[in-house]
Amino acid sequence: MKKIKIFMMMLLAVLSFAACDDDDDDSKQSIISEYTLNDQQVAAQKAKSGKDKAVLLVAFGSTWTNAFAAFDETKRAYEAAFPDADVYFCFSSDICINRASAGEHGESRNYYEPRYLLHAIGAAKYKTVYVQSLQVIPGEEFANVVAAVKKFANNGYVKDAHLDDEYLKNVEIHLGMPLLNNLDEVDDVAKLLNDLYKDEAAQGVVAFMGHGNPDNYDSFKANVRYTQLEEA
């Protein structure tokens, strides 16, 4: 998992801090996908590759074509870095899922919630599952990822579609933390950002924008990481 976390830092060049509009203006709606079809797709891929490891990348999400391209590049980079695993990609934001599917900004893309991908991965019976958050801070969206992993581990997933209990007793599940989970990672990320954007900074101000949490619901007290990153 340490290798996955270090590799995540290397991908800052293709990841955007701000990926989607605020969820607060819309009611929570889920894209209810045909998870049985999703199971078949994952099972077919595993049968083709014969791999026992799965990496599930969880981004907040987006509705923009250039962001989709960055997500595609990120997935390909993980596939190249971890050739012994099948790599999957999903959004934690229901609103981004719905808007991307509707083609809000031109291109229509179908993404899924972590629970559907985890159920499909479990149905394919991978022996080791890595869930890597692509969120920047451990905020509200990451809390949703944690909840999804817990439900997967406890077989509390898709209604009337339970997984094999014996399988869940033996599967290894690893959860990778967000980029700025720990204070000691702030300086490293700040240095990397300075190096990546030094040419742009020489021409003026470079502003990074994060999704953040409401002040009255600051999950894991994570909003402070933005201030710490700016100072660093």
Protein backbone atom coordinates (compact mmCIF):
# COMPACT_ATOMS: atom_id res chain seq x y z
CA MET A 1 0.00 0.00 0.00
CA LYS A 2 2.94 2.35 0.62
CA LYS A 3 3.95 1.92 -3.01
CA ILE A 4 0.42 2.86 -4.09
CA LYS A 5 0.47 5.98 -1.88
CA ILE A 6 3.86 7.13 -3.20
CA PHE A 7 2.67 6.52 -6.75
CA MET A 8 -0.39 8.64 -6.03
CA MET A 9 1.86 11.62 -5.27
CA MET A 10 3.53 11.18 -8.65
CA LEU A 11 0.15 11.59 -10.35
CA LEU A 12 -0.45 15.13 -9.11
CA ALA A 13 0.45 16.36 -12.58
CA VAL A 14 -2.71 14.83 -14.04
CA LEU A 15 -5.10 15.17 -11.10
CA SER A 16 -7.15 18.29 -10.41
CA PHE A 17 -7.97 19.47 -6.89
CA ALA A 18 -11.42 20.62 -8.02
CA ALA A 19 -13.32 18.11 -10.08
CA CYS A 20 -17.06 18.66 -9.82
CA ASP A 21 -19.73 21.12 -8.75
CA ASP A 22 -20.87 21.17 -5.13
CA ASP A 23 -23.17 18.31 -4.14
CA ASP A 24 -25.09 20.52 -1.70
CA ASP A 25 -27.45 21.93 -4.35
CA ASP A 26 -28.86 18.55 -5.39
CA SER A 27 -30.69 15.79 -3.61
CA LYS A 28 -28.73 12.60 -3.17
CA GLN A 29 -29.46 10.30 -6.09
CA SER A 30 -27.62 7.17 -7.11
CA ILE A 31 -27.16 5.79 -10.55
CA ILE A 32 -28.74 2.37 -10.05
CA SER A 33 -26.66 0.34 -12.45
CA GLU A 34 -27.33 -3.20 -13.49
CA TYR A 35 -24.83 -4.62 -11.05
CA THR A 36 -25.41 -8.12 -12.40
CA LEU A 37 -24.01 -6.96 -15.75
CA ASN A 38 -21.18 -5.26 -13.91
CA ASP A 39 -20.42 -8.55 -12.12
CA GLN A 40 -20.23 -10.32 -15.45
CA GLN A 41 -17.86 -7.71 -16.85
CA VAL A 42 -15.50 -7.98 -13.89
CA ALA A 43 -15.68 -11.77 -13.85
CA ALA A 44 -14.90 -11.85 -17.57
CA GLN A 45 -11.88 -9.60 -17.09
CA LYS A 46 -10.57 -11.72 -14.24
CA ALA A 47 -11.04 -14.89 -16.28
CA LYS A 48 -9.07 -13.26 -19.08
CA SER A 49 -6.22 -11.98 -16.94
CA GLY A 50 -6.13 -14.63 -14.24
CA LYS A 51 -5.08 -12.06 -11.64
CA ASP A 52 -5.96 -12.38 -7.96
CA LYS A 53 -5.43 -8.73 -7.00
CA ALA A 54 -7.77 -5.81 -7.65
CA VAL A 55 -7.06 -2.11 -7.20
CA LEU A 56 -10.12 0.15 -6.95
CA LEU A 57 -9.34 3.84 -7.43
CA VAL A 58 -11.94 6.17 -5.92
CA ALA A 59 -12.03 9.78 -7.12
CA PHE A 60 -14.49 12.42 -6.00
CA GLY A 61 -15.60 12.70 -9.61
CA SER A 62 -16.16 15.23 -12.38
CA THR A 63 -18.41 16.11 -15.30
CA TRP A 64 -15.73 17.61 -17.56
CA THR A 65 -14.13 15.95 -20.57
CA ASN A 66 -10.58 17.02 -19.67
CA ALA A 67 -11.07 15.50 -16.22
CA PHE A 68 -12.27 12.24 -17.79
CA ALA A 69 -9.04 12.19 -19.80
CA ALA A 70 -7.01 12.73 -16.61
CA PHE A 71 -8.87 9.87 -14.92
CA ASP A 72 -8.20 7.61 -17.90
CA GLU A 73 -4.50 8.48 -17.76
CA THR A 74 -4.43 7.86 -14.02
CA LYS A 75 -5.97 4.42 -14.45
CA ARG A 76 -3.48 3.54 -17.19
CA ALA A 77 -0.59 4.71 -14.99
CA TYR A 78 -1.73 2.45 -12.15
CA GLU A 79 -2.13 -0.46 -14.56
CA ALA A 80 1.46 0.05 -15.71
CA ALA A 81 2.77 0.41 -12.14
CA PHE A 82 0.85 -2.61 -10.81
CA PRO A 83 0.82 -5.21 -13.62
CA ASP A 84 -0.10 -7.98 -11.18
CA ALA A 85 -3.50 -6.37 -10.45
CA ASP A 86 -6.68 -5.51 -12.31
CA VAL A 87 -7.40 -1.79 -11.87
CA TYR A 88 -10.89 -0.30 -11.60
CA PHE A 89 -12.06 3.31 -11.29
CA CYS A 90 -15.11 4.86 -9.66
CA PHE A 91 -16.58 8.10 -8.27
CA SER A 92 -17.59 8.71 -4.67
CA SER A 93 -19.93 11.59 -5.61
CA ASP A 94 -23.46 10.57 -6.62
CA ILE A 95 -24.01 13.98 -8.17
CA CYS A 96 -20.92 13.67 -10.37
CA ILE A 97 -22.01 10.18 -11.41
CA ASN A 98 -25.44 11.39 -12.47
CA ARG A 99 -24.19 14.50 -14.26
CA ALA A 100 -21.40 12.63 -16.05
CA SER A 101 -23.91 10.04 -17.23
CA ALA A 102 -26.19 12.82 -18.49
CA GLY A 103 -23.31 14.38 -20.43
CA GLU A 104 -23.64 17.71 -18.66
CA HIS A 105 -20.62 19.15 -20.48
CA GLY A 106 -20.83 17.27 -23.76
CA GLU A 107 -19.29 13.82 -23.29
CA SER A 108 -21.38 11.21 -21.48
CA ARG A 109 -19.52 8.78 -19.23
CA ASN A 110 -20.86 6.00 -17.00
CA TYR A 111 -19.13 5.72 -13.65
CA TYR A 112 -20.24 3.77 -10.58
CA GLU A 113 -20.28 4.17 -6.82
CA PRO A 114 -17.64 2.25 -4.83
CA ARG A 115 -20.28 -0.15 -3.49
CA TYR A 116 -21.13 -1.45 -6.96
CA LEU A 117 -17.52 -1.93 -8.00
CA LEU A 118 -16.63 -3.57 -4.69
CA HIS A 119 -19.57 -5.93 -5.02
CA ALA A 120 -18.49 -6.82 -8.54
CA ILE A 121 -14.90 -7.33 -7.39
CA GLY A 122 -16.15 -9.56 -4.58
CA ALA A 123 -18.35 -11.54 -6.96
CA ALA A 124 -15.23 -12.17 -9.07
CA LYS A 125 -13.54 -13.41 -5.85
CA TYR A 126 -10.27 -11.54 -6.00
CA LYS A 127 -8.07 -12.68 -3.13
CA THR A 128 -6.62 -9.22 -2.39
CA VAL A 129 -8.47 -5.92 -2.78
CA TYR A 130 -6.81 -2.48 -2.54
CA VAL A 131 -9.12 0.51 -2.33
CA GLN A 132 -7.13 3.70 -2.96
CA SER A 133 -8.70 7.07 -2.29
CA LEU A 134 -7.80 9.79 -4.81
CA GLN A 135 -9.29 12.48 -2.57
CA VAL A 136 -6.86 15.16 -1.42
CA ILE A 137 -7.99 15.39 2.21
CA PRO A 138 -9.80 12.87 4.44
CA GLY A 139 -13.10 14.74 4.34
CA GLU A 140 -16.77 13.89 3.91
CA GLU A 141 -16.28 12.10 0.59
CA PHE A 142 -13.56 9.90 2.08
CA ALA A 143 -15.89 9.06 4.98
CA ASN A 144 -18.27 7.68 2.36
CA VAL A 145 -15.46 5.53 0.96
CA VAL A 146 -14.71 4.16 4.44
CA ALA A 147 -18.39 3.31 4.88
CA ALA A 148 -18.45 1.49 1.54
CA VAL A 149 -15.41 -0.63 2.46
CA LYS A 150 -16.97 -1.51 5.82
CA LYS A 151 -20.20 -2.59 4.15
CA PHE A 152 -18.24 -4.70 1.69
CA ALA A 153 -16.29 -6.40 4.48
CA ASN A 154 -19.51 -7.07 6.41
CA ASN A 155 -21.50 -8.29 3.41
CA GLY A 156 -23.97 -5.44 3.72
CA TYR A 157 -23.88 -4.42 0.11
CA VAL A 158 -26.35 -4.37 -2.71
CA LYS A 159 -29.85 -5.35 -1.62
CA ASP A 160 -30.65 -9.02 -2.20
CA ALA A 161 -27.22 -9.61 -3.74
CA HIS A 162 -25.08 -10.91 -0.90
CA LEU A 163 -21.55 -12.18 -1.37
CA ASP A 164 -20.10 -15.48 -0.27
CA ASP A 165 -19.46 -15.27 3.48
CA GLU A 166 -16.64 -17.80 3.27
CA TYR A 167 -14.94 -15.69 0.63
CA LEU A 168 -15.22 -12.55 2.77
CA LYS A 169 -13.59 -14.36 5.71
CA ASN A 170 -10.44 -14.88 3.68
CA VAL A 171 -10.17 -11.89 1.33
CA GLU A 172 -7.51 -9.29 2.16
CA ILE A 173 -8.87 -5.74 2.09
CA HIS A 174 -6.58 -2.69 2.20
CA LEU A 175 -7.66 0.95 2.31
CA GLY A 176 -5.29 3.64 1.03
CA MET A 177 -5.65 7.03 2.69
CA PRO A 178 -6.08 10.40 0.92
CA LEU A 179 -3.04 12.34 -0.24
CA LEU A 180 -2.90 14.74 2.74
CA ASN A 181 -4.01 12.36 5.46
CA ASN A 182 -0.99 13.09 7.68
CA LEU A 183 0.65 16.41 8.49
CA ASP A 184 4.10 15.07 7.62
CA GLU A 185 2.95 14.59 4.00
CA VAL A 186 2.09 18.26 3.52
CA ASP A 187 5.67 19.44 2.96
CA ASP A 188 6.34 16.70 0.40
CA VAL A 189 3.21 17.56 -1.58
CA ALA A 190 3.96 21.30 -1.39
CA LYS A 191 7.45 20.73 -2.78
CA LEU A 192 6.09 18.58 -5.58
CA LEU A 193 3.47 21.18 -6.50
CA ASN A 194 6.09 23.93 -6.47
CA ASP A 195 8.29 21.89 -8.79
CA LEU A 196 5.44 21.00 -11.13
CA TYR A 197 4.06 24.52 -11.46
CA LYS A 198 7.18 26.68 -11.12
CA ASP A 199 6.92 27.94 -14.72
CA GLU A 200 3.30 29.00 -14.22
CA ALA A 201 4.11 30.54 -10.84
CA ALA A 202 6.84 32.65 -12.45
CA GLN A 203 4.15 34.29 -14.58
CA GLY A 204 1.74 35.06 -11.73
CA VAL A 205 -0.37 33.42 -9.04
CA VAL A 206 -1.23 29.70 -9.13
CA ALA A 207 -4.36 28.81 -7.17
CA PHE A 208 -5.31 25.28 -6.15
CA MET A 209 -8.93 24.65 -5.24
CA GLY A 210 -10.20 21.82 -3.07
CA HIS A 211 -13.74 20.61 -2.46
CA GLY A 212 -13.54 21.00 1.32
CA ASN A 213 -16.13 20.24 3.98
CA PRO A 214 -18.90 22.39 5.51
CA ASP A 215 -17.60 24.14 8.64
CA ASN A 216 -20.28 22.42 10.72
CA TYR A 217 -19.37 19.01 9.32
CA ASP A 218 -15.58 19.04 9.04
CA SER A 219 -14.95 15.32 8.68
CA PHE A 220 -11.78 14.21 10.44
CA LYS A 221 -10.99 17.93 11.02
CA ALA A 222 -9.40 17.82 7.59
CA ASN A 223 -10.03 21.35 6.26
CA VAL A 224 -6.91 22.56 8.07
CA ARG A 225 -4.80 20.65 5.54
CA TYR A 226 -5.55 23.29 2.90
CA THR A 227 -4.20 26.08 5.08
CA GLN A 228 -1.17 23.97 5.98
CA LEU A 229 -0.51 23.21 2.32
CA GLU A 230 -0.73 26.89 1.38
CA GLU A 231 1.72 27.83 4.14
CA ALA A 232 4.12 25.06 3.13
